[in-house]
C-alpha atoms as a PDB file:
ATOM      1  CA  MET A   1     -21.727 -81.341-145.815  1.00  0.00           C
ATOM      2  CA  ILE A   2     -19.133 -79.317-147.788  1.00  0.00           C
ATOM      3  CA  THR A   3     -16.054 -81.277-149.869  1.00  0.00           C
ATOM      4  CA  ILE A   4     -13.226 -78.846-150.823  1.00  0.00           C
ATOM      5  CA  LEU A   5     -11.311 -79.926-154.106  1.00  0.00           C
ATOM      6  CA  LEU A   6      -7.405 -78.473-154.422  1.00  0.00           C
ATOM      7  CA  ALA A   7      -5.638 -79.287-158.009  1.00  0.00           C
ATOM      8  CA  CYS A   8      -1.961 -79.427-157.032  1.00  0.00           C
ATOM      9  CA  PHE A   9       0.874 -79.045-159.246  1.00  0.00           C
ATOM     10  CA  ASN A  10       3.857 -77.441-158.065  1.00  0.00           C
ATOM     11  CA  GLY A  11       2.605 -75.749-155.170  1.00  0.00           C
ATOM     12  CA  LYS A  12       5.543 -76.280-152.615  1.00  0.00           C
ATOM     13  CA  GLU A  13       5.889 -73.032-151.704  1.00  0.00           C
ATOM     14  CA  TYR A  14       2.830 -71.655-150.791  1.00  0.00           C
ATOM     15  CA  LEU A  15       0.832 -74.821-150.209  1.00  0.00           C
ATOM     16  CA  PRO A  16       1.150 -74.877-146.276  1.00  0.00           C
ATOM     17  CA  ALA A  17      -0.392 -71.000-145.939  1.00  0.00           C
ATOM     18  CA  GLN A  18      -3.169 -71.941-148.543  1.00  0.00           C
ATOM     19  CA  LEU A  19      -4.053 -75.311-146.427  1.00  0.00           C
ATOM     20  CA  ASP A  20      -3.711 -73.747-142.808  1.00  0.00           C
ATOM     21  CA  SER A  21      -6.421 -70.868-143.765  1.00  0.00           C
ATOM     22  CA  ILE A  22      -8.658 -73.868-145.087  1.00  0.00           C
ATOM     23  CA  LEU A  23      -8.542 -75.941-142.161  1.00  0.00           C
ATOM     24  CA  SER A  24      -8.916 -72.625-140.006  1.00  0.00           C
ATOM     25  CA  GLN A  25     -12.372 -71.761-141.227  1.00  0.00           C
ATOM     26  CA  THR A  26     -14.936 -70.456-138.908  1.00  0.00           C
ATOM     27  CA  THR A  27     -17.668 -72.582-140.299  1.00  0.00           C
ATOM     28  CA  LYS A  28     -19.652 -74.955-138.155  1.00  0.00           C
ATOM     29  CA  GLU A  29     -20.837 -76.686-140.880  1.00  0.00           C
ATOM     30  CA  PRO A  30     -18.782 -79.998-141.690  1.00  0.00           C
ATOM     31  CA  PHE A  31     -16.172 -79.861-144.364  1.00  0.00           C
ATOM     32  CA  SER A  32     -13.592 -81.979-146.025  1.00  0.00           C
ATOM     33  CA  VAL A  33     -10.823 -81.307-148.451  1.00  0.00           C
ATOM     34  CA  LEU A  34     -10.279 -83.531-151.505  1.00  0.00           C
ATOM     35  CA  ILE A  35      -6.890 -83.164-153.274  1.00  0.00           C
ATOM     36  CA  ARG A  36      -5.370 -84.246-156.264  1.00  0.00           C
ATOM     37  CA  ASP A  37      -1.683 -83.606-157.296  1.00  0.00           C
ATOM     38  CA  ASP A  38      -0.996 -83.530-161.033  1.00  0.00           C
ATOM     39  CA  GLY A  39       2.418 -84.762-161.050  1.00  0.00           C
ATOM     40  CA  SER A  40       4.495 -82.085-159.637  1.00  0.00           C
ATOM     41  CA  THR A  41       7.945 -82.217-159.824  1.00  0.00           C
ATOM     42  CA  ASP A  42       9.077 -80.364-156.402  1.00  0.00           C
ATOM     43  CA  ASP A  43       7.931 -81.534-152.720  1.00  0.00           C
ATOM     44  CA  SER A  44       4.428 -80.527-152.690  1.00  0.00           C
ATOM     45  CA  GLN A  45       3.083 -84.469-152.130  1.00  0.00           C
ATOM     46  CA  GLN A  46       5.756 -84.467-149.682  1.00  0.00           C
ATOM     47  CA  VAL A  47       3.596 -81.363-147.995  1.00  0.00           C
ATOM     48  CA  LEU A  48       0.518 -83.137-148.815  1.00  0.00           C
ATOM     49  CA  ALA A  49       1.375 -85.908-147.294  1.00  0.00           C
ATOM     50  CA  GLN A  50       2.336 -84.202-143.704  1.00  0.00           C
ATOM     51  CA  TYR A  51      -1.156 -82.174-143.971  1.00  0.00           C
ATOM     52  CA  ALA A  52      -2.816 -85.769-144.382  1.00  0.00           C
ATOM     53  CA  ASP A  53      -0.981 -87.330-141.668  1.00  0.00           C
ATOM     54  CA  ARG A  54      -1.891 -84.588-139.294  1.00  0.00           C
ATOM     55  CA  TYR A  55      -5.720 -84.288-140.120  1.00  0.00           C
ATOM     56  CA  PRO A  56      -6.745 -87.433-141.256  1.00  0.00           C
ATOM     57  CA  ASP A  57     -10.512 -86.407-140.842  1.00  0.00           C
ATOM     58  CA  LYS A  58     -10.005 -83.441-142.712  1.00  0.00           C
ATOM     59  CA  ILE A  59      -8.272 -83.799-145.722  1.00  0.00           C
ATOM     60  CA  THR A  60      -7.865 -87.148-148.543  1.00  0.00           C
ATOM     61  CA  LEU A  61      -4.996 -87.409-150.813  1.00  0.00           C
ATOM     62  CA  LEU A  62      -6.062 -89.553-154.129  1.00  0.00           C
ATOM     63  CA  GLU A  63      -3.310 -91.328-154.900  1.00  0.00           C
ATOM     64  CA  GLY A  64      -2.041 -92.145-158.793  1.00  0.00           C
ATOM     65  CA  GLY A  65      -3.437 -91.074-162.043  1.00  0.00           C
ATOM     66  CA  THR A  66      -2.242 -89.693-165.487  1.00  0.00           C
ATOM     67  CA  PRO A  67      -1.170 -86.163-165.055  1.00  0.00           C
ATOM     68  CA  THR A  68      -3.478 -83.939-166.795  1.00  0.00           C
ATOM     69  CA  GLY A  69      -1.206 -80.987-167.556  1.00  0.00           C
ATOM     70  CA  SER A  70      -3.866 -77.936-166.710  1.00  0.00           C
ATOM     71  CA  ALA A  71      -5.627 -77.102-163.625  1.00  0.00           C
ATOM     72  CA  LYS A  72      -8.658 -77.673-165.852  1.00  0.00           C
ATOM     73  CA  GLY A  73      -8.219 -80.804-166.748  1.00  0.00           C
ATOM     74  CA  ASN A  74      -6.924 -81.167-162.494  1.00  0.00           C
ATOM     75  CA  PHE A  75     -10.313 -79.889-161.493  1.00  0.00           C
ATOM     76  CA  PHE A  76     -12.466 -82.124-163.885  1.00  0.00           C
ATOM     77  CA  ALA A  77     -10.535 -85.074-162.362  1.00  0.00           C
ATOM     78  CA  LEU A  78     -11.558 -84.088-159.179  1.00  0.00           C
ATOM     79  CA  LEU A  79     -15.253 -83.395-159.721  1.00  0.00           C
ATOM     80  CA  ASP A  80     -14.811 -87.323-161.675  1.00  0.00           C
ATOM     81  CA  ALA A  81     -13.406 -88.433-158.071  1.00  0.00           C
ATOM     82  CA  VAL A  82     -16.259 -87.125-156.416  1.00  0.00           C
ATOM     83  CA  ARG A  83     -18.296 -88.965-158.302  1.00  0.00           C
ATOM     84  CA  GLU A  84     -16.678 -92.286-158.056  1.00  0.00           C
ATOM     85  CA  LYS A  85     -16.513 -91.829-154.446  1.00  0.00           C
ATOM     86  CA  ASN A  86     -19.743 -90.867-154.294  1.00  0.00           C
ATOM     87  CA  LEU A  87     -19.382 -87.859-152.016  1.00  0.00           C
ATOM     88  CA  CYS A  88     -21.840 -85.075-152.925  1.00  0.00           C
ATOM     89  CA  GLN A  89     -25.423 -86.148-151.770  1.00  0.00           C
ATOM     90  CA  PRO A  90     -28.279 -84.169-151.655  1.00  0.00           C
ATOM     91  CA  GLY A  91     -28.065 -81.364-149.292  1.00  0.00           C
ATOM     92  CA  ASP A  92     -24.170 -81.194-149.902  1.00  0.00           C
ATOM     93  CA  TYR A  93     -22.277 -78.444-151.526  1.00  0.00           C
ATOM     94  CA  LEU A  94     -18.476 -78.677-153.803  1.00  0.00           C
ATOM     95  CA  MET A  95     -15.913 -75.593-153.697  1.00  0.00           C
ATOM     96  CA  PHE A  96     -12.968 -75.147-155.399  1.00  0.00           C
ATOM     97  CA  SER A  97      -9.458 -74.444-154.752  1.00  0.00           C
ATOM     98  CA  ASP A  98      -6.388 -73.109-155.707  1.00  0.00           C
ATOM     99  CA  GLN A  99      -3.231 -74.264-154.082  1.00  0.00           C
ATOM    100  CA  ASP A 100      -1.087 -70.848-153.722  1.00  0.00           C
ATOM    101  CA  ASP A 101      -3.686 -68.519-152.321  1.00  0.00           C
ATOM    102  CA  VAL A 102      -5.431 -67.914-148.835  1.00  0.00           C
ATOM    103  CA  TRP A 103      -8.780 -68.297-147.796  1.00  0.00           C
ATOM    104  CA  LEU A 104     -10.344 -65.486-145.477  1.00  0.00           C
ATOM    105  CA  PRO A 105     -11.503 -66.898-142.242  1.00  0.00           C
ATOM    106  CA  ASP A 106     -15.146 -66.457-143.111  1.00  0.00           C
ATOM    107  CA  LYS A 107     -15.040 -67.739-146.411  1.00  0.00           C
ATOM    108  CA  VAL A 108     -16.667 -70.644-146.287  1.00  0.00           C
ATOM    109  CA  GLU A 109     -19.279 -69.320-143.730  1.00  0.00           C
ATOM    110  CA  ARG A 110     -20.271 -66.333-146.370  1.00  0.00           C
ATOM    111  CA  THR A 111     -20.076 -68.450-149.087  1.00  0.00           C
ATOM    112  CA  LEU A 112     -22.599 -71.222-147.761  1.00  0.00           C
ATOM    113  CA  ALA A 113     -25.113 -68.318-146.331  1.00  0.00           C
ATOM    114  CA  LEU A 114     -24.937 -66.637-150.221  1.00  0.00           C
ATOM    115  CA  MET A 115     -25.613 -70.071-151.942  1.00  0.00           C
ATOM    116  CA  ARG A 116     -28.678 -70.443-149.257  1.00  0.00           C
ATOM    117  CA  GLN A 117     -30.159 -67.436-149.785  1.00  0.00           C
ATOM    118  CA  THR A 118     -29.698 -67.663-154.130  1.00  0.00           C
ATOM    119  CA  GLU A 119     -30.835 -71.517-153.944  1.00  0.00           C
ATOM    120  CA  LYS A 120     -33.757 -71.245-151.998  1.00  0.00           C
ATOM    121  CA  ASN A 121     -35.256 -74.356-153.125  1.00  0.00           C
ATOM    122  CA  PRO A 122     -32.456 -76.740-152.679  1.00  0.00           C
ATOM    123  CA  ALA A 123     -33.377 -78.705-155.376  1.00  0.00           C
ATOM    124  CA  VAL A 124     -32.511 -75.936-158.104  1.00  0.00           C
ATOM    125  CA  PRO A 125     -29.087 -76.288-159.551  1.00  0.00           C
ATOM    126  CA  ALA A 126     -27.326 -72.853-158.321  1.00  0.00           C
ATOM    127  CA  LEU A 127     -23.447 -71.574-158.332  1.00  0.00           C
ATOM    128  CA  VAL A 128     -22.301 -68.450-156.182  1.00  0.00           C
ATOM    129  CA  HIS A 129     -18.788 -66.685-156.243  1.00  0.00           C
ATOM    130  CA  GLY A 130     -17.382 -63.982-155.414  1.00  0.00           C
ATOM    131  CA  ASN A 131     -14.747 -60.971-155.090  1.00  0.00           C
ATOM    132  CA  LEU A 132     -11.210 -61.247-154.384  1.00  0.00           C
ATOM    133  CA  LYS A 133      -8.415 -58.899-152.868  1.00  0.00           C
ATOM    134  CA  VAL A 134      -5.284 -59.516-155.634  1.00  0.00           C
ATOM    135  CA  VAL A 135      -1.786 -59.435-153.233  1.00  0.00           C
ATOM    136  CA  ASP A 136       1.670 -60.174-153.940  1.00  0.00           C
ATOM    137  CA  LYS A 137       3.243 -62.712-153.289  1.00  0.00           C
ATOM    138  CA  ASP A 138       4.388 -61.769-150.005  1.00  0.00           C
ATOM    139  CA  LEU A 139       0.030 -60.996-149.030  1.00  0.00           C
ATOM    140  CA  ALA A 140       0.402 -57.543-149.764  1.00  0.00           C
ATOM    141  CA  VAL A 141      -2.477 -55.678-151.072  1.00  0.00           C
ATOM    142  CA  ILE A 142      -2.003 -55.149-155.016  1.00  0.00           C
ATOM    143  CA  HIS A 143      -6.015 -54.338-155.439  1.00  0.00           C
ATOM    144  CA  PRO A 144      -9.182 -54.309-152.945  1.00  0.00           C
ATOM    145  CA  SER A 145     -10.910 -55.755-155.282  1.00  0.00           C
ATOM    146  CA  PHE A 146     -10.745 -58.581-157.822  1.00  0.00           C
ATOM    147  CA  PHE A 147     -13.690 -57.607-160.289  1.00  0.00           C
ATOM    148  CA  ASP A 148     -12.539 -54.253-160.624  1.00  0.00           C
ATOM    149  CA  PHE A 149      -8.568 -54.591-161.047  1.00  0.00           C
ATOM    150  CA  GLN A 150      -9.721 -57.283-164.110  1.00  0.00           C
ATOM    151  CA  GLY A 151     -13.279 -55.263-165.412  1.00  0.00           C
ATOM    152  CA  ILE A 152     -15.488 -57.849-164.743  1.00  0.00           C
ATOM    153  CA  SER A 153     -19.301 -57.720-164.260  1.00  0.00           C
ATOM    154  CA  PRO A 154     -20.627 -60.079-161.954  1.00  0.00           C
ATOM    155  CA  GLU A 155     -24.071 -58.961-162.781  1.00  0.00           C
ATOM    156  CA  ARG A 156     -23.415 -60.391-166.626  1.00  0.00           C
ATOM    157  CA  CYS A 157     -24.196 -64.169-165.814  1.00  0.00           C
ATOM    158  CA  SER A 158     -27.324 -64.750-168.517  1.00  0.00           C
ATOM    159  CA  LEU A 159     -26.134 -67.303-171.403  1.00  0.00           C
ATOM    160  CA  THR A 160     -25.639 -64.645-173.743  1.00  0.00           C
ATOM    161  CA  ASN A 161     -23.569 -62.746-171.338  1.00  0.00           C
ATOM    162  CA  LEU A 162     -22.011 -66.460-170.213  1.00  0.00           C
ATOM    163  CA  LEU A 163     -20.579 -67.325-173.398  1.00  0.00           C
ATOM    164  CA  VAL A 164     -18.776 -64.657-174.626  1.00  0.00           C
ATOM    165  CA  GLN A 165     -16.943 -63.721-171.407  1.00  0.00           C
ATOM    166  CA  ASN A 166     -16.721 -65.668-167.799  1.00  0.00           C
ATOM    167  CA  CYS A 167     -17.620 -63.519-164.890  1.00  0.00           C
ATOM    168  CA  ILE A 168     -17.027 -66.751-162.038  1.00  0.00           C
ATOM    169  CA  THR A 169     -13.227 -67.317-160.918  1.00  0.00           C
ATOM    170  CA  GLY A 170     -13.240 -70.483-159.880  1.00  0.00           C
ATOM    171  CA  CYS A 171     -11.360 -70.370-156.533  1.00  0.00           C
ATOM    172  CA  THR A 172     -14.239 -68.127-155.182  1.00  0.00           C
ATOM    173  CA  MET A 173     -17.040 -71.350-156.014  1.00  0.00           C
ATOM    174  CA  MET A 174     -19.827 -73.523-154.598  1.00  0.00           C
ATOM    175  CA  ILE A 175     -21.934 -75.285-156.459  1.00  0.00           C
ATOM    176  CA  ASN A 176     -24.651 -77.524-155.171  1.00  0.00           C
ATOM    177  CA  GLN A 177     -25.585 -80.591-155.800  1.00  0.00           C
ATOM    178  CA  PRO A 178     -27.909 -80.826-158.036  1.00  0.00           C
ATOM    179  CA  LEU A 179     -25.479 -78.592-160.562  1.00  0.00           C
ATOM    180  CA  PHE A 180     -22.918 -81.438-159.992  1.00  0.00           C
ATOM    181  CA  ALA A 181     -25.382 -83.669-161.131  1.00  0.00           C
ATOM    182  CA  LEU A 182     -26.324 -81.800-163.806  1.00  0.00           C
ATOM    183  CA  ALA A 183     -22.379 -81.766-164.735  1.00  0.00           C
ATOM    184  CA  ASP A 184     -22.111 -85.256-165.433  1.00  0.00           C
ATOM    185  CA  LYS A 185     -20.823 -84.599-169.148  1.00  0.00           C
ATOM    186  CA  THR A 186     -17.187 -83.090-169.478  1.00  0.00           C
ATOM    187  CA  PRO A 187     -16.890 -81.912-172.538  1.00  0.00           C
ATOM    188  CA  PRO A 188     -13.512 -82.719-174.607  1.00  0.00           C
ATOM    189  CA  VAL A 189     -12.812 -78.997-175.229  1.00  0.00           C
ATOM    190  CA  CYS A 190     -13.753 -76.792-172.647  1.00  0.00           C
ATOM    191  CA  ALA A 191     -12.372 -72.822-171.971  1.00  0.00           C
ATOM    192  CA  MET A 192     -12.533 -73.847-168.553  1.00  0.00           C
ATOM    193  CA  HIS A 193     -14.140 -75.828-165.455  1.00  0.00           C
ATOM    194  CA  ASP A 194     -15.533 -73.188-163.766  1.00  0.00           C
ATOM    195  CA  TRP A 195     -17.279 -71.557-167.107  1.00  0.00           C
ATOM    196  CA  TRP A 196     -18.247 -74.568-168.237  1.00  0.00           C
ATOM    197  CA  LEU A 197     -20.283 -75.058-164.794  1.00  0.00           C
ATOM    198  CA  GLY A 198     -21.155 -71.492-165.040  1.00  0.00           C
ATOM    199  CA  LEU A 199     -22.987 -71.998-168.043  1.00  0.00           C
ATOM    200  CA  LEU A 200     -25.088 -75.183-166.781  1.00  0.00           C
ATOM    201  CA  ALA A 201     -25.744 -73.031-164.094  1.00  0.00           C
ATOM    202  CA  ALA A 202     -27.158 -70.013-166.376  1.00  0.00           C
ATOM    203  CA  CYS A 203     -29.132 -72.537-168.464  1.00  0.00           C
ATOM    204  CA  PHE A 204     -30.864 -75.042-165.612  1.00  0.00           C
ATOM    205  CA  GLY A 205     -30.387 -72.817-162.483  1.00  0.00           C
ATOM    206  CA  LYS A 206     -29.339 -69.467-160.485  1.00  0.00           C
ATOM    207  CA  ILE A 207     -26.101 -68.293-159.711  1.00  0.00           C
ATOM    208  CA  GLY A 208     -25.584 -65.743-156.983  1.00  0.00           C
ATOM    209  CA  TYR A 209     -22.404 -63.788-156.340  1.00  0.00           C
ATOM    210  CA  THR A 210     -20.571 -61.094-153.592  1.00  0.00           C
ATOM    211  CA  ASP A 211     -18.799 -57.941-154.071  1.00  0.00           C
ATOM    212  CA  GLN A 212     -17.268 -58.412-151.129  1.00  0.00           C
ATOM    213  CA  PRO A 213     -13.976 -60.395-151.134  1.00  0.00           C
ATOM    214  CA  LEU A 214     -13.651 -63.859-150.290  1.00  0.00           C
ATOM    215  CA  MET A 215     -10.128 -64.373-150.127  1.00  0.00           C
ATOM    216  CA  LEU A 216      -6.291 -63.364-151.058  1.00  0.00           C
ATOM    217  CA  TYR A 217      -5.671 -63.342-154.665  1.00  0.00           C
ATOM    218  CA  ARG A 218      -1.609 -64.516-154.705  1.00  0.00           C
ATOM    219  CA  GLN A 219       0.111 -63.157-158.087  1.00  0.00           C
ATOM    220  CA  HIS A 220       3.964 -64.538-158.203  1.00  0.00           C
ATOM    221  CA  GLY A 221       6.399 -65.205-160.995  1.00  0.00           C
ATOM    222  CA  ASP A 222       4.470 -69.295-161.071  1.00  0.00           C
ATOM    223  CA  ASN A 223       1.266 -68.340-162.225  1.00  0.00           C
ATOM    224  CA  SER A 224      -0.624 -70.140-164.570  1.00  0.00           C
ATOM    225  CA  VAL A 225      -2.784 -67.417-165.405  1.00  0.00           C
ATOM    226  CA  GLY A 226      -2.669 -64.496-163.258  1.00  0.00           C
ATOM    227  CA  ALA A 227      -4.450 -61.371-163.352  1.00  0.00           C
ATOM    228  CA  LYS A 228      -3.461 -58.152-164.954  1.00  0.00           C
ATOM    229  CA  ASP A 229      -4.885 -54.623-164.233  1.00  0.00           C
ATOM    230  CA  ILE A 230      -6.959 -53.333-166.760  1.00  0.00           C
ATOM    231  CA  ARG A 231      -6.369 -49.931-166.568  1.00  0.00           C
ATOM    232  CA  ASP A 232      -2.695 -50.656-167.291  1.00  0.00           C
ATOM    233  CA  LEU A 233      -1.665 -50.459-171.078  1.00  0.00           C
ATOM    234  CA  SER A 234       0.247 -53.799-170.413  1.00  0.00           C
ATOM    235  CA  PHE A 235      -2.963 -55.470-170.108  1.00  0.00           C
ATOM    236  CA  TYR A 236      -3.860 -54.326-173.595  1.00  0.00           C
ATOM    237  CA  THR A 237      -0.096 -54.939-175.345  1.00  0.00           C
ATOM    238  CA  HIS A 238      -0.693 -58.416-173.336  1.00  0.00           C
ATOM    239  CA  LYS A 239      -3.683 -59.159-175.240  1.00  0.00           C
ATOM    240  CA  LEU A 240      -2.625 -58.163-178.721  1.00  0.00           C
ATOM    241  CA  SER A 241       0.793 -60.686-178.347  1.00  0.00           C
ATOM    242  CA  GLN A 242      -1.252 -63.383-177.390  1.00  0.00           C
ATOM    243  CA  LYS A 243      -3.047 -63.955-180.738  1.00  0.00           C
ATOM    244  CA  GLU A 244      -2.947 -67.630-181.117  1.00  0.00           C
ATOM    245  CA  GLN A 245      -3.642 -68.086-177.410  1.00  0.00           C
ATOM    246  CA  ILE A 246      -7.161 -65.823-178.065  1.00  0.00           C
ATOM    247  CA  GLN A 247      -7.824 -67.329-181.186  1.00  0.00           C
ATOM    248  CA  LYS A 248      -7.382 -70.904-179.293  1.00  0.00           C
ATOM    249  CA  ASN A 249      -9.470 -70.032-176.213  1.00  0.00           C
ATOM    250  CA  TYR A 250     -12.616 -68.610-178.875  1.00  0.00           C
ATOM    251  CA  ARG A 251     -12.212 -72.645-180.075  1.00  0.00           C
ATOM    252  CA  GLU A 252     -12.713 -73.632-176.485  1.00  0.00           C
ATOM    253  CA  MET A 253     -15.516 -71.422-176.285  1.00  0.00           C
ATOM    254  CA  PHE A 254     -17.260 -72.253-179.405  1.00  0.00           C
ATOM    255  CA  ALA A 255     -16.572 -76.462-178.917  1.00  0.00           C
ATOM    256  CA  GLN A 256     -18.098 -75.660-175.195  1.00  0.00           C
ATOM    257  CA  ALA A 257     -21.244 -74.530-176.541  1.00  0.00           C
ATOM    258  CA  GLU A 258     -22.036 -76.540-179.516  1.00  0.00           C
ATOM    259  CA  PHE A 259     -21.282 -79.699-176.476  1.00  0.00           C
ATOM    260  CA  LEU A 260     -23.873 -77.631-174.104  1.00  0.00           C
ATOM    261  CA  CYS A 261     -26.161 -78.018-177.313  1.00  0.00           C
ATOM    262  CA  ARG A 262     -25.809 -81.522-178.533  1.00  0.00           C
ATOM    263  CA  GLU A 263     -25.612 -83.053-174.975  1.00  0.00           C
ATOM    264  CA  TYR A 264     -28.161 -81.042-173.004  1.00  0.00           C
ATOM    265  CA  GLU A 265     -30.442 -81.069-176.073  1.00  0.00           C
ATOM    266  CA  ASP A 266     -33.172 -82.786-174.086  1.00  0.00           C
ATOM    267  CA  LYS A 267     -32.926 -79.813-171.358  1.00  0.00           C
ATOM    268  CA  LEU A 268     -32.792 -76.729-172.642  1.00  0.00           C
ATOM    269  CA  THR A 269     -35.317 -74.761-174.146  1.00  0.00           C
ATOM    270  CA  SER A 270     -35.911 -73.578-178.039  1.00  0.00           C
ATOM    271  CA  GLN A 271     -34.653 -70.119-177.123  1.00  0.00           C
ATOM    272  CA  GLN A 272     -31.099 -71.183-175.119  1.00  0.00           C
ATOM    273  CA  LYS A 273     -31.030 -73.708-178.283  1.00  0.00           C
ATOM    274  CA  GLU A 274     -31.293 -70.935-180.937  1.00  0.00           C
ATOM    275  CA  ILE A 275     -28.814 -69.156-178.734  1.00  0.00           C
ATOM    276  CA  LEU A 276     -26.239 -71.669-178.347  1.00  0.00           C
ATOM    277  CA  THR A 277     -26.702 -72.473-181.994  1.00  0.00           C
ATOM    278  CA  ALA A 278     -26.123 -68.543-183.291  1.00  0.00           C
ATOM    279  CA  TRP A 279     -23.252 -68.489-181.109  1.00  0.00           C
ATOM    280  CA  TYR A 280     -20.863 -71.502-182.205  1.00  0.00           C
ATOM    281  CA  THR A 281     -21.782 -71.243-185.722  1.00  0.00           C
ATOM    282  CA  ILE A 282     -20.654 -67.618-186.112  1.00  0.00           C
ATOM    283  CA  PRO A 283     -17.043 -69.096-187.030  1.00  0.00           C
ATOM    284  CA  LYS A 284     -18.579 -70.168-190.323  1.00  0.00           C
ATOM    285  CA  LEU A 285     -19.531 -66.446-191.052  1.00  0.00           C
ATOM    286  CA  GLY A 286     -17.728 -63.338-193.258  1.00  0.00           C
ATOM    287  CA  ARG A 287     -17.098 -60.665-191.568  1.00  0.00           C
ATOM    288  CA  PHE A 288     -20.415 -58.765-192.080  1.00  0.00           C
ATOM    289  CA  GLY A 289     -22.327 -61.425-191.555  1.00  0.00           C
ATOM    290  CA  LYS A 290     -20.757 -61.870-187.948  1.00  0.00           C
ATOM    291  CA  ALA A 291     -20.955 -58.499-186.997  1.00  0.00           C
ATOM    292  CA  ARG A 292     -24.664 -58.941-187.605  1.00  0.00           C
ATOM    293  CA  ARG A 293     -25.319 -61.708-185.477  1.00  0.00           C
ATOM    294  CA  ILE A 294     -22.750 -60.423-182.617  1.00  0.00           C
ATOM    295  CA  VAL A 295     -25.549 -57.157-182.606  1.00  0.00           C
ATOM    296  CA  LYS A 296     -28.308 -59.675-183.447  1.00  0.00           C
ATOM    297  CA  TYR A 297     -28.235 -61.477-180.024  1.00  0.00           C
ATOM    298  CA  GLY A 298     -25.935 -58.935-178.170  1.00  0.00           C
ATOM    299  CA  PHE A 299     -22.864 -61.642-178.176  1.00  0.00           C
ATOM    300  CA  THR A 300     -20.912 -58.167-176.646  1.00  0.00           C
ATOM    301  CA  LYS A 301     -18.647 -58.358-173.791  1.00  0.00           C
ATOM    302  CA  ASN A 302     -18.185 -55.680-170.437  1.00  0.00           C
ATOM    303  CA  THR A 303     -16.622 -53.136-172.887  1.00  0.00           C
ATOM    304  CA  TRP A 304     -16.942 -51.584-176.346  1.00  0.00           C
ATOM    305  CA  LEU A 305     -12.614 -52.086-176.782  1.00  0.00           C
ATOM    306  CA  ARG A 306     -13.040 -55.695-175.490  1.00  0.00           C
ATOM    307  CA  THR A 307     -16.344 -56.616-177.818  1.00  0.00           C
ATOM    308  CA  LEU A 308     -13.778 -54.986-181.051  1.00  0.00           C
ATOM    309  CA  GLY A 309     -11.078 -57.370-179.766  1.00  0.00           C
ATOM    310  CA  GLN A 310     -13.955 -59.978-180.061  1.00  0.00           C
ATOM    311  CA  PHE A 311     -14.569 -59.077-183.349  1.00  0.00           C
ATOM    312  CA  PHE A 312     -11.668 -59.031-184.795  1.00  0.00           C
ATOM    313  CA  SER A 313     -10.523 -62.156-183.356  1.00  0.00           C
ATOM    314  CA  ILE A 314     -13.663 -64.645-184.089  1.00  0.00           C
END
């Protein structure tokens, strides 16, 4: 059984296309959709209720709940609900969906095949993810590869790599039951749900990916994050204008690493503990000490320019 977790907030305009694309999947594997609205002020809840009435065997809406105020918080609340409702048993899988994209018809089928190829032994914690086509609000293609558009290197998925740079896009992600079972502790401060799950998979299991696009990643004015072309000067000027946000991101990156090191101490190897500690204690060092630490442990991003930016941000 596959449970698809959909996080919603003020998504009325694009929800029907996303839900239709999920409900039209070609997979023969049974699946259901668990949806949580984070306090929408538009008509999203009415749209969701209509779909739940039409597809009662496929769609479950979580009722009530205090708004979390973020997509990250919404997805962690969905994971908590899966645990409370006992929806992820051995042999089951979880997928994650944004509210405004469109899944290609065979996304579930191809992702599940990739998962089974990656995990081999279903007792091993595993996470798989894939590429996306970047499209505009009307689904016209902006770029055929999100990996290329954003300059993402999905092969850089070791613990050291993932501590400094996330290469996993949550809306393409599938995790298996052993990884879900490991994620029973939620860090109070965390960069993103997909990043956290990726760190757990890097420490205790396997990560697989496909370069082939699995979905259409819609860009529009209301996107909470959005994608920018790494080849465009605006990509870098935007980064320079986001100094406070970047520093906040690094605080979250250090905090999630410290939480992982502390809360999973009994499961981590001595080498993993050393790497985690070396990373989250970097802010205590002077400028030259930080540089030496980055070089010694390979805490570099996938381009020299990003690594340089990191050096001046931490």
